[in-house]
């Protein structure tokens, strides 16, 4: 995986998070994208409809808040940023 490439699981979780928890929230999308690029402060952990989202040194960490048996999924920073900006 090269940082821009995603596994099927990563791609599914990222697309689902953007559609379910980030739709219509341009300010939150911009804040996460800026932080991932190192151009802004790290947003607080965001609890949405399906996921909790936070940033780590390696990228965007998504946790399914409805199923504790599912392990969190890490989305590499470059891919997460591109998706947040609508470029991926």
N, C-alpha and C. Protein backbone atom coordinates (compact mmCIF):
# COMPACT_ATOMS: atom_id res chain seq x y z
N UNK A 1 0.85 -1.18 0.00
CA UNK A 1 0.00 0.00 0.00
C UNK A 1 0.89 1.23 0.00
N UNK A 2 0.62 2.17 -0.83
CA UNK A 2 1.50 3.31 -1.02
C UNK A 2 1.05 4.57 -0.30
N UNK A 3 0.07 4.57 0.49
CA UNK A 3 -0.38 5.80 1.15
C UNK A 3 -1.56 6.43 0.42
N UNK A 4 -1.58 6.35 -0.91
CA UNK A 4 -2.74 6.84 -1.66
C UNK A 4 -3.68 5.69 -2.00
N UNK A 5 -3.13 4.48 -2.01
CA UNK A 5 -3.94 3.30 -2.28
C UNK A 5 -4.64 2.86 -1.00
N UNK A 6 -5.85 2.36 -1.15
CA UNK A 6 -6.61 1.89 -0.01
C UNK A 6 -7.04 0.46 -0.22
N UNK A 7 -7.13 -0.29 0.87
CA UNK A 7 -7.73 -1.61 0.79
C UNK A 7 -9.23 -1.41 0.58
N UNK A 8 -9.91 -2.47 0.23
CA UNK A 8 -11.36 -2.39 0.06
C UNK A 8 -12.03 -1.96 1.36
N UNK A 9 -11.56 -2.48 2.48
CA UNK A 9 -12.14 -2.12 3.77
C UNK A 9 -11.94 -0.63 4.07
N UNK A 10 -10.74 -0.14 3.85
CA UNK A 10 -10.48 1.28 4.08
C UNK A 10 -11.35 2.15 3.19
N UNK A 11 -11.43 1.81 1.93
CA UNK A 11 -12.23 2.59 0.98
C UNK A 11 -13.70 2.59 1.37
N UNK A 12 -14.22 1.44 1.79
CA UNK A 12 -15.62 1.34 2.21
C UNK A 12 -15.90 2.19 3.44
N UNK A 13 -15.05 2.08 4.44
CA UNK A 13 -15.26 2.85 5.68
C UNK A 13 -15.17 4.34 5.39
N UNK A 14 -14.18 4.75 4.60
CA UNK A 14 -14.01 6.16 4.29
C UNK A 14 -15.22 6.71 3.54
N UNK A 15 -15.67 6.00 2.53
CA UNK A 15 -16.83 6.45 1.77
C UNK A 15 -18.08 6.51 2.65
N UNK A 16 -18.25 5.52 3.50
CA UNK A 16 -19.40 5.47 4.39
C UNK A 16 -19.36 6.63 5.39
N UNK A 17 -18.18 6.89 5.95
CA UNK A 17 -18.03 8.00 6.91
C UNK A 17 -18.34 9.33 6.25
N UNK A 18 -17.81 9.54 5.06
CA UNK A 18 -18.07 10.80 4.37
C UNK A 18 -19.56 10.97 4.07
N UNK A 19 -20.22 9.89 3.68
CA UNK A 19 -21.64 9.97 3.32
C UNK A 19 -22.55 10.08 4.54
N UNK A 20 -22.23 9.35 5.60
CA UNK A 20 -23.14 9.30 6.75
C UNK A 20 -22.85 10.36 7.80
N UNK A 21 -21.60 10.67 8.01
CA UNK A 21 -21.24 11.55 9.13
C UNK A 21 -20.71 12.92 8.72
N UNK A 22 -20.27 13.07 7.48
CA UNK A 22 -19.64 14.33 7.08
C UNK A 22 -20.40 15.06 5.97
N UNK A 23 -21.47 14.46 5.48
CA UNK A 23 -22.27 15.08 4.41
C UNK A 23 -22.80 16.43 4.88
N UNK A 24 -22.59 17.44 4.10
CA UNK A 24 -23.12 18.76 4.40
C UNK A 24 -22.36 19.54 5.45
N UNK A 25 -21.24 19.02 5.94
CA UNK A 25 -20.48 19.75 6.96
C UNK A 25 -19.13 20.17 6.37
N UNK A 26 -19.19 21.19 5.53
CA UNK A 26 -17.98 21.66 4.85
C UNK A 26 -16.92 22.14 5.82
N UNK A 27 -17.33 22.75 6.91
CA UNK A 27 -16.35 23.26 7.88
C UNK A 27 -15.57 22.12 8.53
N UNK A 28 -16.25 21.06 8.89
CA UNK A 28 -15.57 19.91 9.51
C UNK A 28 -14.66 19.23 8.50
N UNK A 29 -15.14 19.08 7.27
CA UNK A 29 -14.30 18.48 6.23
C UNK A 29 -13.03 19.30 6.02
N UNK A 30 -13.19 20.62 5.97
CA UNK A 30 -12.03 21.50 5.77
C UNK A 30 -11.07 21.42 6.95
N UNK A 31 -11.60 21.35 8.16
CA UNK A 31 -10.75 21.29 9.35
C UNK A 31 -9.94 19.99 9.38
N UNK A 32 -10.58 18.87 9.07
CA UNK A 32 -9.86 17.60 9.03
C UNK A 32 -8.82 17.61 7.91
N UNK A 33 -9.18 18.12 6.74
CA UNK A 33 -8.23 18.17 5.62
C UNK A 33 -7.03 19.04 5.94
N UNK A 34 -7.27 20.20 6.54
CA UNK A 34 -6.17 21.10 6.90
C UNK A 34 -5.24 20.45 7.92
N UNK A 35 -5.82 19.81 8.92
CA UNK A 35 -5.00 19.16 9.94
C UNK A 35 -4.18 18.02 9.34
N UNK A 36 -4.77 17.26 8.44
CA UNK A 36 -4.04 16.18 7.79
C UNK A 36 -2.87 16.69 6.96
N UNK A 37 -2.98 17.91 6.44
CA UNK A 37 -1.90 18.51 5.67
C UNK A 37 -0.90 19.25 6.55
N UNK A 38 -1.18 19.32 7.85
CA UNK A 38 -0.31 20.05 8.76
C UNK A 38 -0.54 21.55 8.72
N UNK A 39 -1.69 21.96 8.19
CA UNK A 39 -1.99 23.38 8.03
C UNK A 39 -3.00 23.91 9.03
N UNK A 40 -3.31 23.13 10.04
CA UNK A 40 -4.29 23.58 11.01
C UNK A 40 -4.25 22.72 12.25
N UNK A 41 -4.96 23.15 13.28
CA UNK A 41 -4.99 22.36 14.52
C UNK A 41 -5.74 21.05 14.31
N UNK A 42 -5.43 20.07 15.13
CA UNK A 42 -6.10 18.79 15.06
C UNK A 42 -7.51 18.91 15.63
N UNK A 43 -8.52 18.56 14.86
CA UNK A 43 -9.89 18.61 15.38
C UNK A 43 -10.07 17.61 16.53
N UNK A 44 -11.00 17.91 17.42
CA UNK A 44 -11.31 16.98 18.48
C UNK A 44 -11.95 15.74 17.88
N UNK A 45 -11.92 14.65 18.62
CA UNK A 45 -12.55 13.42 18.16
C UNK A 45 -14.02 13.72 17.86
N UNK A 46 -14.43 13.33 16.67
CA UNK A 46 -15.79 13.64 16.21
C UNK A 46 -16.65 12.38 16.25
N UNK A 47 -17.74 12.45 16.98
CA UNK A 47 -18.68 11.34 17.07
C UNK A 47 -19.83 11.65 16.12
N UNK A 48 -20.03 10.79 15.14
CA UNK A 48 -21.09 11.00 14.17
C UNK A 48 -22.20 9.98 14.33
N UNK A 49 -22.93 9.76 13.26
CA UNK A 49 -24.03 8.80 13.27
C UNK A 49 -23.55 7.35 13.34
N UNK A 50 -22.45 7.06 12.65
CA UNK A 50 -21.95 5.69 12.59
C UNK A 50 -20.52 5.53 13.09
N UNK A 51 -19.75 6.61 13.03
CA UNK A 51 -18.32 6.50 13.32
C UNK A 51 -17.85 7.57 14.30
N UNK A 52 -16.78 7.21 15.01
CA UNK A 52 -15.98 8.20 15.73
C UNK A 52 -14.74 8.40 14.88
N UNK A 53 -14.38 9.64 14.64
CA UNK A 53 -13.23 9.94 13.80
C UNK A 53 -12.24 10.79 14.58
N UNK A 54 -10.98 10.42 14.46
CA UNK A 54 -9.91 11.19 15.09
C UNK A 54 -8.68 11.10 14.20
N UNK A 55 -7.72 11.95 14.48
CA UNK A 55 -6.49 11.95 13.69
C UNK A 55 -5.35 11.41 14.53
N UNK A 56 -4.48 10.66 13.86
CA UNK A 56 -3.26 10.17 14.48
C UNK A 56 -2.08 10.67 13.64
N UNK A 57 -0.89 10.29 14.04
CA UNK A 57 0.29 10.70 13.28
C UNK A 57 0.27 10.12 11.86
N UNK A 58 -0.44 9.02 11.66
CA UNK A 58 -0.44 8.34 10.37
C UNK A 58 -1.66 8.63 9.51
N UNK A 59 -2.68 9.25 10.08
CA UNK A 59 -3.86 9.53 9.27
C UNK A 59 -5.13 9.61 10.07
N UNK A 60 -6.22 9.26 9.42
CA UNK A 60 -7.56 9.34 9.97
C UNK A 60 -7.95 7.99 10.55
N UNK A 61 -8.34 7.97 11.81
CA UNK A 61 -8.74 6.74 12.47
C UNK A 61 -10.26 6.73 12.61
N UNK A 62 -10.90 5.73 12.03
CA UNK A 62 -12.35 5.60 12.09
C UNK A 62 -12.72 4.41 12.97
N UNK A 63 -13.65 4.64 13.89
CA UNK A 63 -14.14 3.58 14.78
C UNK A 63 -15.65 3.47 14.59
N UNK A 64 -16.14 2.26 14.38
CA UNK A 64 -17.57 2.03 14.27
C UNK A 64 -18.15 2.09 15.68
N UNK A 65 -19.03 3.04 15.94
CA UNK A 65 -19.55 3.23 17.30
C UNK A 65 -20.71 2.29 17.61
N UNK A 66 -21.17 1.52 16.63
CA UNK A 66 -22.29 0.62 16.86
C UNK A 66 -21.87 -0.84 16.98
N UNK A 67 -20.62 -1.15 16.69
CA UNK A 67 -20.16 -2.54 16.73
C UNK A 67 -18.75 -2.58 17.33
N UNK A 68 -18.70 -2.90 18.61
CA UNK A 68 -17.40 -2.95 19.31
C UNK A 68 -16.50 -4.08 18.82
N UNK A 69 -17.06 -5.03 18.11
CA UNK A 69 -16.25 -6.14 17.62
C UNK A 69 -15.43 -5.78 16.39
N UNK A 70 -15.76 -4.67 15.75
CA UNK A 70 -15.00 -4.22 14.58
C UNK A 70 -13.81 -3.39 15.02
N UNK A 71 -12.65 -3.77 14.55
CA UNK A 71 -11.43 -3.00 14.87
C UNK A 71 -11.46 -1.66 14.15
N UNK A 72 -10.89 -0.63 14.76
CA UNK A 72 -10.80 0.66 14.06
C UNK A 72 -10.01 0.51 12.75
N UNK A 73 -10.29 1.40 11.82
CA UNK A 73 -9.62 1.37 10.52
C UNK A 73 -8.85 2.68 10.36
N UNK A 74 -7.58 2.56 10.00
CA UNK A 74 -6.73 3.73 9.77
C UNK A 74 -6.70 4.03 8.28
N UNK A 75 -7.02 5.26 7.94
CA UNK A 75 -6.96 5.74 6.55
C UNK A 75 -5.70 6.60 6.45
N UNK A 76 -4.75 6.24 5.59
CA UNK A 76 -3.53 7.04 5.47
C UNK A 76 -3.86 8.50 5.16
N UNK A 77 -3.06 9.39 5.74
CA UNK A 77 -3.32 10.83 5.63
C UNK A 77 -3.51 11.31 4.20
N UNK A 78 -2.66 10.94 3.24
CA UNK A 78 -2.85 11.47 1.89
C UNK A 78 -4.20 11.08 1.28
N UNK A 79 -4.60 9.83 1.46
CA UNK A 79 -5.87 9.37 0.90
C UNK A 79 -7.05 10.02 1.61
N UNK A 80 -6.97 10.16 2.92
CA UNK A 80 -8.05 10.79 3.67
C UNK A 80 -8.20 12.24 3.26
N UNK A 81 -7.10 12.94 3.12
CA UNK A 81 -7.15 14.34 2.73
C UNK A 81 -7.77 14.53 1.34
N UNK A 82 -7.33 13.69 0.39
CA UNK A 82 -7.88 13.77 -0.95
C UNK A 82 -9.39 13.54 -0.94
N UNK A 83 -9.84 12.56 -0.19
CA UNK A 83 -11.28 12.25 -0.12
C UNK A 83 -12.05 13.40 0.53
N UNK A 84 -11.51 13.97 1.59
CA UNK A 84 -12.17 15.09 2.25
C UNK A 84 -12.30 16.30 1.32
N UNK A 85 -11.34 16.46 0.45
CA UNK A 85 -11.36 17.57 -0.50
C UNK A 85 -12.12 17.24 -1.78
N UNK A 86 -12.64 16.02 -1.84
CA UNK A 86 -13.40 15.60 -3.03
C UNK A 86 -12.53 15.27 -4.22
N UNK A 87 -11.27 14.95 -3.97
CA UNK A 87 -10.34 14.68 -5.05
C UNK A 87 -10.12 13.21 -5.30
N UNK A 88 -10.73 12.36 -4.49
CA UNK A 88 -10.43 10.93 -4.64
C UNK A 88 -11.63 10.09 -4.88
